[in-house]
Amino acid sequence: MNDTKNQINIELSEEIAEGIYSNLAIITHSQSEFVIDFVKLMPGVQKAKVKSRIILTPEHAKRLYKALAENIKKFENAHGPIKDASDTLPPFTMGGPTAQA
C-alpha cells in the first residue's frame, strides 16, 4: 500500500544543485535556534567569506546531527575511517556560545 499523503515533492534548481564548496563550518546557537555558517578558507588568504548560512530550530539541528552521524558511519563502513582534520584547522571564534566543526 503506497501512502502518497506522506511524500514530499522537493524541487532542486540547477543553481542550487551545483552546490557551494565549504571547508569550515562555524556553529553558534541561542535558546531558540542554531546558526551554521559555511565558510571557504583559501590558503595564504587572511580573509574568509561566509558562503552560506543555515538557521535551524534545536529540534531540526538534532535531526541533522543524527542523520549526519548515520551517514558518516555508512561512509566509513564502505570506505574506511575519515581522517580527523581538526589538528590542521586554524582556531576561529566569534564570541558567544560557539563550536567549530
PDB file of N, CA and C in Angstrom:
ATOM      1  N   MET A   1       0.837  -1.182   0.000  1.00  0.00           N
ATOM      2  CA  MET A   1       0.000   0.000   0.000  1.00  0.00           C
ATOM      3  C   MET A   1       0.883   1.246   0.000  1.00  0.00           C
ATOM      4  N   ASN A   2       0.735   2.104  -1.022  1.00  0.00           N
ATOM      5  CA  ASN A   2       1.504   3.338  -1.110  1.00  0.00           C
ATOM      6  C   ASN A   2       0.744   4.474  -0.455  1.00  0.00           C
ATOM      7  N   ASP A   3       1.391   5.185   0.438  1.00  0.00           N
ATOM      8  CA  ASP A   3       0.769   6.323   1.099  1.00  0.00           C
ATOM      9  C   ASP A   3       1.395   7.594   0.542  1.00  0.00           C
ATOM     10  N   THR A   4       0.821   8.129  -0.533  1.00  0.00           N
ATOM     11  CA  THR A   4       1.368   9.336  -1.168  1.00  0.00           C
ATOM     12  C   THR A   4       1.105  10.573  -0.320  1.00  0.00           C
ATOM     13  N   LYS A   5       0.269  10.449   0.689  1.00  0.00           N
ATOM     14  CA  LYS A   5      -0.036  11.562   1.582  1.00  0.00           C
ATOM     15  C   LYS A   5       1.219  12.023   2.338  1.00  0.00           C
ATOM     16  N   ASN A   6       2.147  11.110   2.641  1.00  0.00           N
ATOM     17  CA  ASN A   6       3.346  11.431   3.403  1.00  0.00           C
ATOM     18  C   ASN A   6       4.559  11.724   2.531  1.00  0.00           C
ATOM     19  N   GLN A   7       4.394  11.770   1.208  1.00  0.00           N
ATOM     20  CA  GLN A   7       5.505  12.063   0.310  1.00  0.00           C
ATOM     21  C   GLN A   7       5.642  13.571   0.120  1.00  0.00           C
ATOM     22  N   ILE A   8       6.884  14.016  -0.018  1.00  0.00           N
ATOM     23  CA  ILE A   8       7.165  15.432  -0.244  1.00  0.00           C
ATOM     24  C   ILE A   8       7.831  15.569  -1.603  1.00  0.00           C
ATOM     25  N   ASN A   9       7.329  16.468  -2.402  1.00  0.00           N
ATOM     26  CA  ASN A   9       7.925  16.757  -3.698  1.00  0.00           C
ATOM     27  C   ASN A   9       8.944  17.883  -3.501  1.00  0.00           C
ATOM     28  N   ILE A  10      10.223  17.574  -3.664  1.00  0.00           N
ATOM     29  CA  ILE A  10      11.287  18.549  -3.433  1.00  0.00           C
ATOM     30  C   ILE A  10      11.859  18.993  -4.771  1.00  0.00           C
ATOM     31  N   GLU A  11      11.892  20.292  -4.981  1.00  0.00           N
ATOM     32  CA  GLU A  11      12.432  20.855  -6.214  1.00  0.00           C
ATOM     33  C   GLU A  11      13.871  21.305  -5.969  1.00  0.00           C
ATOM     34  N   LEU A  12      14.752  20.992  -6.910  1.00  0.00           N
ATOM     35  CA  LEU A  12      16.159  21.367  -6.811  1.00  0.00           C
ATOM     36  C   LEU A  12      16.535  22.115  -8.084  1.00  0.00           C
ATOM     37  N   SER A  13      16.752  23.433  -7.946  1.00  0.00           N
ATOM     38  CA  SER A  13      17.104  24.229  -9.116  1.00  0.00           C
ATOM     39  C   SER A  13      18.517  23.879  -9.576  1.00  0.00           C
ATOM     40  N   GLU A  14      18.821  24.199 -10.820  1.00  0.00           N
ATOM     41  CA  GLU A  14      20.148  23.918 -11.374  1.00  0.00           C
ATOM     42  C   GLU A  14      21.235  24.657 -10.597  1.00  0.00           C
ATOM     43  N   GLU A  15      20.960  25.899 -10.216  1.00  0.00           N
ATOM     44  CA  GLU A  15      21.938  26.712  -9.471  1.00  0.00           C
ATOM     45  C   GLU A  15      22.256  26.093  -8.113  1.00  0.00           C
ATOM     46  N   ILE A  16      21.229  25.679  -7.386  1.00  0.00           N
ATOM     47  CA  ILE A  16      21.429  25.074  -6.065  1.00  0.00           C
ATOM     48  C   ILE A  16      22.083  23.699  -6.210  1.00  0.00           C
ATOM     49  N   ALA A  17      21.743  22.967  -7.262  1.00  0.00           N
ATOM     50  CA  ALA A  17      22.307  21.629  -7.481  1.00  0.00           C
ATOM     51  C   ALA A  17      23.816  21.667  -7.667  1.00  0.00           C
ATOM     52  N   GLU A  18      24.360  22.785  -8.129  1.00  0.00           N
ATOM     53  CA  GLU A  18      25.813  22.925  -8.299  1.00  0.00           C
ATOM     54  C   GLU A  18      26.540  22.894  -6.957  1.00  0.00           C
ATOM     55  N   GLY A  19      25.867  23.327  -5.905  1.00  0.00           N
ATOM     56  CA  GLY A  19      26.466  23.316  -4.577  1.00  0.00           C
ATOM     57  C   GLY A  19      27.425  24.473  -4.355  1.00  0.00           C
ATOM     58  N   ILE A  20      27.848  24.606  -3.107  1.00  0.00           N
ATOM     59  CA  ILE A  20      28.809  25.630  -2.704  1.00  0.00           C
ATOM     60  C   ILE A  20      29.890  24.931  -1.900  1.00  0.00           C
ATOM     61  N   TYR A  21      31.153  25.129  -2.276  1.00  0.00           N
ATOM     62  CA  TYR A  21      32.260  24.498  -1.557  1.00  0.00           C
ATOM     63  C   TYR A  21      32.494  25.205  -0.229  1.00  0.00           C
ATOM     64  N   SER A  22      32.674  24.421   0.825  1.00  0.00           N
ATOM     65  CA  SER A  22      32.983  24.942   2.147  1.00  0.00           C
ATOM     66  C   SER A  22      33.975  24.006   2.814  1.00  0.00           C
ATOM     67  N   ASN A  23      34.995  24.577   3.476  1.00  0.00           N
ATOM     68  CA  ASN A  23      35.932  23.747   4.206  1.00  0.00           C
ATOM     69  C   ASN A  23      36.007  24.133   5.692  1.00  0.00           C
ATOM     70  N   LEU A  24      34.995  24.902   6.135  1.00  0.00           N
ATOM     71  CA  LEU A  24      34.904  25.271   7.546  1.00  0.00           C
ATOM     72  C   LEU A  24      33.441  25.581   7.864  1.00  0.00           C
ATOM     73  N   ALA A  25      32.962  25.086   8.993  1.00  0.00           N
ATOM     74  CA  ALA A  25      31.623  25.420   9.465  1.00  0.00           C
ATOM     75  C   ALA A  25      31.741  26.054  10.841  1.00  0.00           C
ATOM     76  N   ILE A  26      31.106  27.203  11.012  1.00  0.00           N
ATOM     77  CA  ILE A  26      31.061  27.886  12.296  1.00  0.00           C
ATOM     78  C   ILE A  26      29.640  27.716  12.822  1.00  0.00           C
ATOM     79  N   ILE A  27      29.504  27.165  14.018  1.00  0.00           N
ATOM     80  CA  ILE A  27      28.183  26.899  14.574  1.00  0.00           C
ATOM     81  C   ILE A  27      27.989  27.727  15.836  1.00  0.00           C
ATOM     82  N   THR A  28      26.917  28.514  15.846  1.00  0.00           N
ATOM     83  CA  THR A  28      26.536  29.277  17.029  1.00  0.00           C
ATOM     84  C   THR A  28      25.093  28.927  17.359  1.00  0.00           C
ATOM     85  N   HIS A  29      24.682  29.233  18.579  1.00  0.00           N
ATOM     86  CA  HIS A  29      23.301  28.924  18.943  1.00  0.00           C
ATOM     87  C   HIS A  29      22.784  29.874  20.002  1.00  0.00           C
ATOM     88  N   SER A  30      21.493  30.007  20.017  1.00  0.00           N
ATOM     89  CA  SER A  30      20.782  30.708  21.082  1.00  0.00           C
ATOM     90  C   SER A  30      19.803  29.698  21.680  1.00  0.00           C
ATOM     91  N   GLN A  31      18.929  30.143  22.529  1.00  0.00           N
ATOM     92  CA  GLN A  31      17.955  29.228  23.122  1.00  0.00           C
ATOM     93  C   GLN A  31      16.964  28.717  22.077  1.00  0.00           C
ATOM     94  N   SER A  32      16.769  29.473  20.996  1.00  0.00           N
ATOM     95  CA  SER A  32      15.725  29.115  20.044  1.00  0.00           C
ATOM     96  C   SER A  32      16.216  28.674  18.668  1.00  0.00           C
ATOM     97  N   GLU A  33      17.517  28.821  18.378  1.00  0.00           N
ATOM     98  CA  GLU A  33      17.987  28.439  17.050  1.00  0.00           C
ATOM     99  C   GLU A  33      19.477  28.119  17.013  1.00  0.00           C
ATOM    100  N   PHE A  34      19.843  27.316  16.034  1.00  0.00           N
ATOM    101  CA  PHE A  34      21.237  27.030  15.701  1.00  0.00           C
ATOM    102  C   PHE A  34      21.529  27.708  14.375  1.00  0.00           C
ATOM    103  N   VAL A  35      22.688  28.360  14.282  1.00  0.00           N
ATOM    104  CA  VAL A  35      23.104  29.017  13.047  1.00  0.00           C
ATOM    105  C   VAL A  35      24.395  28.351  12.592  1.00  0.00           C
ATOM    106  N   ILE A  36      24.389  27.846  11.366  1.00  0.00           N
ATOM    107  CA  ILE A  36      25.581  27.221  10.798  1.00  0.00           C
ATOM    108  C   ILE A  36      26.038  28.066   9.624  1.00  0.00           C
ATOM    109  N   ASP A  37      27.230  28.661   9.748  1.00  0.00           N
ATOM    110  CA  ASP A  37      27.840  29.426   8.658  1.00  0.00           C
ATOM    111  C   ASP A  37      28.861  28.538   7.968  1.00  0.00           C
ATOM    112  N   PHE A  38      28.701  28.366   6.673  1.00  0.00           N
ATOM    113  CA  PHE A  38      29.643  27.592   5.866  1.00  0.00           C
ATOM    114  C   PHE A  38      30.598  28.562   5.200  1.00  0.00           C
ATOM    115  N   VAL A  39      31.902  28.348   5.450  1.00  0.00           N
ATOM    116  CA  VAL A  39      32.949  29.280   5.047  1.00  0.00           C
ATOM    117  C   VAL A  39      33.918  28.583   4.103  1.00  0.00           C
ATOM    118  N   LYS A  40      34.481  29.369   3.189  1.00  0.00           N
ATOM    119  CA  LYS A  40      35.542  28.852   2.315  1.00  0.00           C
ATOM    120  C   LYS A  40      36.832  29.574   2.668  1.00  0.00           C
ATOM    121  N   LEU A  41      37.786  28.806   3.225  1.00  0.00           N
ATOM    122  CA  LEU A  41      39.118  29.333   3.537  1.00  0.00           C
ATOM    123  C   LEU A  41      40.049  29.033   2.368  1.00  0.00           C
ATOM    124  N   MET A  42      40.812  30.018   1.942  1.00  0.00           N
ATOM    125  CA  MET A  42      41.771  29.811   0.862  1.00  0.00           C
ATOM    126  C   MET A  42      43.183  29.897   1.445  1.00  0.00           C
ATOM    127  N   PRO A  43      44.098  29.030   1.016  1.00  0.00           N
ATOM    128  CA  PRO A  43      45.471  29.054   1.528  1.00  0.00           C
ATOM    129  C   PRO A  43      46.133  30.413   1.301  1.00  0.00           C
ATOM    130  N   GLY A  44      46.779  30.922   2.338  1.00  0.00           N
ATOM    131  CA  GLY A  44      47.522  32.171   2.234  1.00  0.00           C
ATOM    132  C   GLY A  44      46.664  33.424   2.254  1.00  0.00           C
ATOM    133  N   VAL A  45      45.370  33.294   2.391  1.00  0.00           N
ATOM    134  CA  VAL A  45      44.475  34.457   2.411  1.00  0.00           C
ATOM    135  C   VAL A  45      43.947  34.620   3.832  1.00  0.00           C
ATOM    136  N   GLN A  46      44.126  35.813   4.394  1.00  0.00           N
ATOM    137  CA  GLN A  46      43.735  36.055   5.777  1.00  0.00           C
ATOM    138  C   GLN A  46      42.233  36.261   5.951  1.00  0.00           C
ATOM    139  N   LYS A  47      41.532  36.612   4.879  1.00  0.00           N
ATOM    140  CA  LYS A  47      40.113  36.894   4.961  1.00  0.00           C
ATOM    141  C   LYS A  47      39.321  35.741   4.340  1.00  0.00           C
ATOM    142  N   ALA A  48      38.290  35.295   5.038  1.00  0.00           N
ATOM    143  CA  ALA A  48      37.443  34.221   4.534  1.00  0.00           C
ATOM    144  C   ALA A  48      36.013  34.734   4.443  1.00  0.00           C
ATOM    145  N   LYS A  49      35.251  34.171   3.510  1.00  0.00           N
ATOM    146  CA  LYS A  49      33.871  34.601   3.312  1.00  0.00           C
ATOM    147  C   LYS A  49      32.897  33.507   3.710  1.00  0.00           C
ATOM    148  N   VAL A  50      31.810  33.928   4.372  1.00  0.00           N
ATOM    149  CA  VAL A  50      30.707  33.013   4.606  1.00  0.00           C
ATOM    150  C   VAL A  50      30.017  32.815   3.261  1.00  0.00           C
ATOM    151  N   LYS A  51      29.930  31.571   2.822  1.00  0.00           N
ATOM    152  CA  LYS A  51      29.331  31.256   1.527  1.00  0.00           C
ATOM    153  C   LYS A  51      27.856  30.910   1.653  1.00  0.00           C
ATOM    154  N   SER A  52      27.439  30.438   2.837  1.00  0.00           N
ATOM    155  CA  SER A  52      26.043  30.074   3.046  1.00  0.00           C
ATOM    156  C   SER A  52      25.766  30.045   4.543  1.00  0.00           C
ATOM    157  N   ARG A  53      24.550  30.409   4.922  1.00  0.00           N
ATOM    158  CA  ARG A  53      24.130  30.358   6.324  1.00  0.00           C
ATOM    159  C   ARG A  53      22.824  29.583   6.403  1.00  0.00           C
ATOM    160  N   ILE A  54      22.785  28.617   7.316  1.00  0.00           N
ATOM    161  CA  ILE A  54      21.585  27.823   7.549  1.00  0.00           C
ATOM    162  C   ILE A  54      21.154  28.052   8.994  1.00  0.00           C
ATOM    163  N   ILE A  55      19.872  28.347   9.191  1.00  0.00           N
ATOM    164  CA  ILE A  55      19.326  28.569  10.527  1.00  0.00           C
ATOM    165  C   ILE A  55      18.318  27.459  10.806  1.00  0.00           C
ATOM    166  N   LEU A  56      18.520  26.771  11.941  1.00  0.00           N
ATOM    167  CA  LEU A  56      17.690  25.609  12.300  1.00  0.00           C
ATOM    168  C   LEU A  56      17.116  25.761  13.696  1.00  0.00           C
ATOM    169  N   THR A  57      15.952  25.164  13.913  1.00  0.00           N
ATOM    170  CA  THR A  57      15.440  25.044  15.279  1.00  0.00           C
ATOM    171  C   THR A  57      16.303  24.008  16.004  1.00  0.00           C
ATOM    172  N   PRO A  58      16.338  24.022  17.327  1.00  0.00           N
ATOM    173  CA  PRO A  58      17.103  22.993  18.045  1.00  0.00           C
ATOM    174  C   PRO A  58      16.679  21.570  17.662  1.00  0.00           C
ATOM    175  N   GLU A  59      15.382  21.359  17.465  1.00  0.00           N
ATOM    176  CA  GLU A  59      14.904  20.026  17.093  1.00  0.00           C
ATOM    177  C   GLU A  59      15.445  19.599  15.724  1.00  0.00           C
ATOM    178  N   HIS A  60      15.430  20.509  14.768  1.00  0.00           N
ATOM    179  CA  HIS A  60      15.953  20.174  13.439  1.00  0.00           C
ATOM    180  C   HIS A  60      17.476  20.032  13.463  1.00  0.00           C
ATOM    181  N   ALA A  61      18.155  20.803  14.311  1.00  0.00           N
ATOM    182  CA  ALA A  61      19.601  20.651  14.443  1.00  0.00           C
ATOM    183  C   ALA A  61      19.940  19.256  14.955  1.00  0.00           C
ATOM    184  N   LYS A  62      19.164  18.760  15.903  1.00  0.00           N
ATOM    185  CA  LYS A  62      19.416  17.418  16.435  1.00  0.00           C
ATOM    186  C   LYS A  62      19.129  16.355  15.380  1.00  0.00           C
ATOM    187  N   ARG A  63      18.080  16.532  14.586  1.00  0.00           N
ATOM    188  CA  ARG A  63      17.786  15.596  13.495  1.00  0.00           C
ATOM    189  C   ARG A  63      18.921  15.592  12.472  1.00  0.00           C
ATOM    190  N   LEU A  64      19.465  16.772  12.171  1.00  0.00           N
ATOM    191  CA  LEU A  64      20.599  16.865  11.247  1.00  0.00           C
ATOM    192  C   LEU A  64      21.813  16.143  11.821  1.00  0.00           C
ATOM    193  N   TYR A  65      22.086  16.352  13.106  1.00  0.00           N
ATOM    194  CA  TYR A  65      23.190  15.692  13.797  1.00  0.00           C
ATOM    195  C   TYR A  65      23.080  14.169  13.684  1.00  0.00           C
ATOM    196  N   LYS A  66      21.887  13.639  13.947  1.00  0.00           N
ATOM    197  CA  LYS A  66      21.682  12.191  13.882  1.00  0.00           C
ATOM    198  C   LYS A  66      21.825  11.678  12.447  1.00  0.00           C
ATOM    199  N   ALA A  67      21.269  12.404  11.488  1.00  0.00           N
ATOM    200  CA  ALA A  67      21.363  11.986  10.084  1.00  0.00           C
ATOM    201  C   ALA A  67      22.805  12.032   9.603  1.00  0.00           C
ATOM    202  N   LEU A  68      23.552  13.048  10.000  1.00  0.00           N
ATOM    203  CA  LEU A  68      24.956  13.157   9.606  1.00  0.00           C
ATOM    204  C   LEU A  68      25.776  12.037  10.230  1.00  0.00           C
ATOM    205  N   ALA A  69      25.543  11.743  11.512  1.00  0.00           N
ATOM    206  CA  ALA A  69      26.260  10.643  12.186  1.00  0.00           C
ATOM    207  C   ALA A  69      25.978   9.315  11.493  1.00  0.00           C
ATOM    208  N   GLU A  70      24.733   9.081  11.128  1.00  0.00           N
ATOM    209  CA  GLU A  70      24.359   7.840  10.451  1.00  0.00           C
ATOM    210  C   GLU A  70      25.041   7.732   9.079  1.00  0.00           C
ATOM    211  N   ASN A  71      25.088   8.841   8.357  1.00  0.00           N
ATOM    212  CA  ASN A  71      25.714   8.820   7.035  1.00  0.00           C
ATOM    213  C   ASN A  71      27.228   8.707   7.116  1.00  0.00           C
ATOM    214  N   ILE A  72      27.853   9.296   8.120  1.00  0.00           N
ATOM    215  CA  ILE A  72      29.297   9.136   8.308  1.00  0.00           C
ATOM    216  C   ILE A  72      29.622   7.676   8.611  1.00  0.00           C
ATOM    217  N   LYS A  73      28.802   7.054   9.441  1.00  0.00           N
ATOM    218  CA  LYS A  73      29.006   5.635   9.761  1.00  0.00           C
ATOM    219  C   LYS A  73      28.913   4.776   8.497  1.00  0.00           C
ATOM    220  N   LYS A  74      27.907   5.023   7.674  1.00  0.00           N
ATOM    221  CA  LYS A  74      27.755   4.274   6.419  1.00  0.00           C
ATOM    222  C   LYS A  74      28.951   4.509   5.494  1.00  0.00           C
ATOM    223  N   PHE A  75      29.404   5.763   5.396  1.00  0.00           N
ATOM    224  CA  PHE A  75      30.549   6.093   4.557  1.00  0.00           C
ATOM    225  C   PHE A  75      31.792   5.356   5.030  1.00  0.00           C
ATOM    226  N   GLU A  76      32.062   5.405   6.342  1.00  0.00           N
ATOM    227  CA  GLU A  76      33.252   4.755   6.884  1.00  0.00           C
ATOM    228  C   GLU A  76      33.182   3.240   6.762  1.00  0.00           C
ATOM    229  N   ASN A  77      31.997   2.668   6.870  1.00  0.00           N
ATOM    230  CA  ASN A  77      31.854   1.225   6.659  1.00  0.00           C
ATOM    231  C   ASN A  77      32.205   0.849   5.219  1.00  0.00           C
ATOM    232  N   ALA A  78      31.891   1.719   4.280  1.00  0.00           N
ATOM    233  CA  ALA A  78      32.159   1.445   2.866  1.00  0.00           C
ATOM    234  C   ALA A  78      33.573   1.828   2.439  1.00  0.00           C
ATOM    235  N   HIS A  79      34.141   2.905   3.035  1.00  0.00           N
ATOM    236  CA  HIS A  79      35.401   3.469   2.536  1.00  0.00           C
ATOM    237  C   HIS A  79      36.522   3.556   3.563  1.00  0.00           C
ATOM    238  N   GLY A  80      36.265   3.155   4.793  1.00  0.00           N
ATOM    239  CA  GLY A  80      37.277   3.254   5.835  1.00  0.00           C
ATOM    240  C   GLY A  80      37.151   4.552   6.611  1.00  0.00           C
ATOM    241  N   PRO A  81      37.902   4.658   7.711  1.00  0.00           N
ATOM    242  CA  PRO A  81      37.797   5.826   8.584  1.00  0.00           C
ATOM    243  C   PRO A  81      38.154   7.136   7.876  1.00  0.00           C
ATOM    244  N   ILE A  82      37.428   8.178   8.227  1.00  0.00           N
ATOM    245  CA  ILE A  82      37.712   9.521   7.726  1.00  0.00           C
ATOM    246  C   ILE A  82      38.773  10.122   8.641  1.00  0.00           C
ATOM    247  N   LYS A  83      39.822  10.680   8.046  1.00  0.00           N
ATOM    248  CA  LYS A  83      40.886  11.323   8.817  1.00  0.00           C
ATOM    249  C   LYS A  83      40.330  12.565   9.505  1.00  0.00           C
ATOM    250  N   ASP A  84      40.644  12.741  10.777  1.00  0.00           N
ATOM    251  CA  ASP A  84      40.216  13.916  11.534  1.00  0.00           C
ATOM    252  C   ASP A  84      41.161  15.063  11.228  1.00  0.00           C
ATOM    253  N   ALA A  85      40.650  16.091  10.558  1.00  0.00           N
ATOM    254  CA  ALA A  85      41.484  17.215  10.135  1.00  0.00           C
ATOM    255  C   ALA A  85      41.466  18.356  11.140  1.00  0.00           C
ATOM    256  N   SER A  86      40.921  18.148  12.332  1.00  0.00           N
ATOM    257  CA  SER A  86      40.797  19.249  13.288  1.00  0.00           C
ATOM    258  C   SER A  86      42.151  19.808  13.724  1.00  0.00           C
ATOM    259  N   ASP A  87      43.211  19.009  13.627  1.00  0.00           N
ATOM    260  CA  ASP A  87      44.535  19.495  14.016  1.00  0.00           C
ATOM    261  C   ASP A  87      45.113  20.485  13.006  1.00  0.00           C
ATOM    262  N   THR A  88      44.594  20.492  11.784  1.00  0.00           N
ATOM    263  CA  THR A  88      45.152  21.353  10.741  1.00  0.00           C
ATOM    264  C   THR A  88      44.361  22.633  10.535  1.00  0.00           C
ATOM    265  N   LEU A  89      43.203  22.779  11.206  1.00  0.00           N
ATOM    266  CA  LEU A  89      42.396  23.974  11.030  1.00  0.00           C
ATOM    267  C   LEU A  89      42.821  25.061  12.003  1.00  0.00           C
ATOM    268  N   PRO A  90      42.783  26.317  11.563  1.00  0.00           N
ATOM    269  CA  PRO A  90      43.130  27.408  12.473  1.00  0.00           C
ATOM    270  C   PRO A  90      42.011  27.633  13.477  1.00  0.00           C
ATOM    271  N   PRO A  91      42.334  28.152  14.679  1.00  0.00           N
ATOM    272  CA  PRO A  91      41.287  28.453  15.649  1.00  0.00           C
ATOM    273  C   PRO A  91      40.426  29.602  15.128  1.00  0.00           C
ATOM    274  N   PHE A  92      39.133  29.538  15.374  1.00  0.00           N
ATOM    275  CA  PHE A  92      38.241  30.573  14.883  1.00  0.00           C
ATOM    276  C   PHE A  92      37.106  30.728  15.877  1.00  0.00           C
ATOM    277  N   THR A  93      36.948  31.916  16.426  1.00  0.00           N
ATOM    278  CA  THR A  93      35.854  32.155  17.360  1.00  0.00           C
ATOM    279  C   THR A  93      35.167  33.460  16.999  1.00  0.00           C
ATOM    280  N   MET A  94      33.886  33.553  17.333  1.00  0.00           N
ATOM    281  CA  MET A  94      33.109  34.757  17.046  1.00  0.00           C
ATOM    282  C   MET A  94      32.472  35.305  18.316  1.00  0.00           C
ATOM    283  N   GLY A  95      32.832  34.798  19.488  1.00  0.00           N
ATOM    284  CA  GLY A  95      32.212  35.228  20.726  1.00  0.00           C
ATOM    285  C   GLY A  95      30.909  34.486  20.955  1.00  0.00           C
ATOM    286  N   GLY A  96      30.436  34.477  22.158  1.00  0.00           N
ATOM    287  CA  GLY A  96      29.196  33.775  22.458  1.00  0.00           C
ATOM    288  C   GLY A  96      29.407  32.279  22.435  1.00  0.00           C
ATOM    289  N   PRO A  97      28.326  31.523  22.555  1.00  0.00           N
ATOM    290  CA  PRO A  97      28.457  30.055  22.536  1.00  0.00           C
ATOM    291  C   PRO A  97      28.779  29.570  21.128  1.00  0.00           C
ATOM    292  N   THR A  98      30.017  29.154  20.906  1.00  0.00           N
ATOM    293  CA  THR A  98      30.475  28.789  19.574  1.00  0.00           C
ATOM    294  C   THR A  98      31.124  27.420  19.598  1.00  0.00           C
ATOM    295  N   ALA A  99      30.852  26.643  18.566  1.00  0.00           N
ATOM    296  CA  ALA A  99      31.528  25.372  18.356  1.00  0.00           C
ATOM    297  C   ALA A  99      32.072  25.377  16.938  1.00  0.00           C
ATOM    298  N   GLN A 100      33.042  24.572  16.674  1.00  0.00           N
ATOM    299  CA  GLN A 100      33.643  24.522  15.351  1.00  0.00           C
ATOM    300  C   GLN A 100      33.646  23.087  14.863  1.00  0.00           C
ATOM    301  N   ALA A 101      33.287  22.907  13.592  1.00  0.00           N
ATOM    302  CA  ALA A 101      33.281  21.571  13.019  1.00  0.00           C
ATOM    303  C   ALA A 101      34.009  21.577  11.697  1.00  0.00           C
TER     304      ALA A 101
END
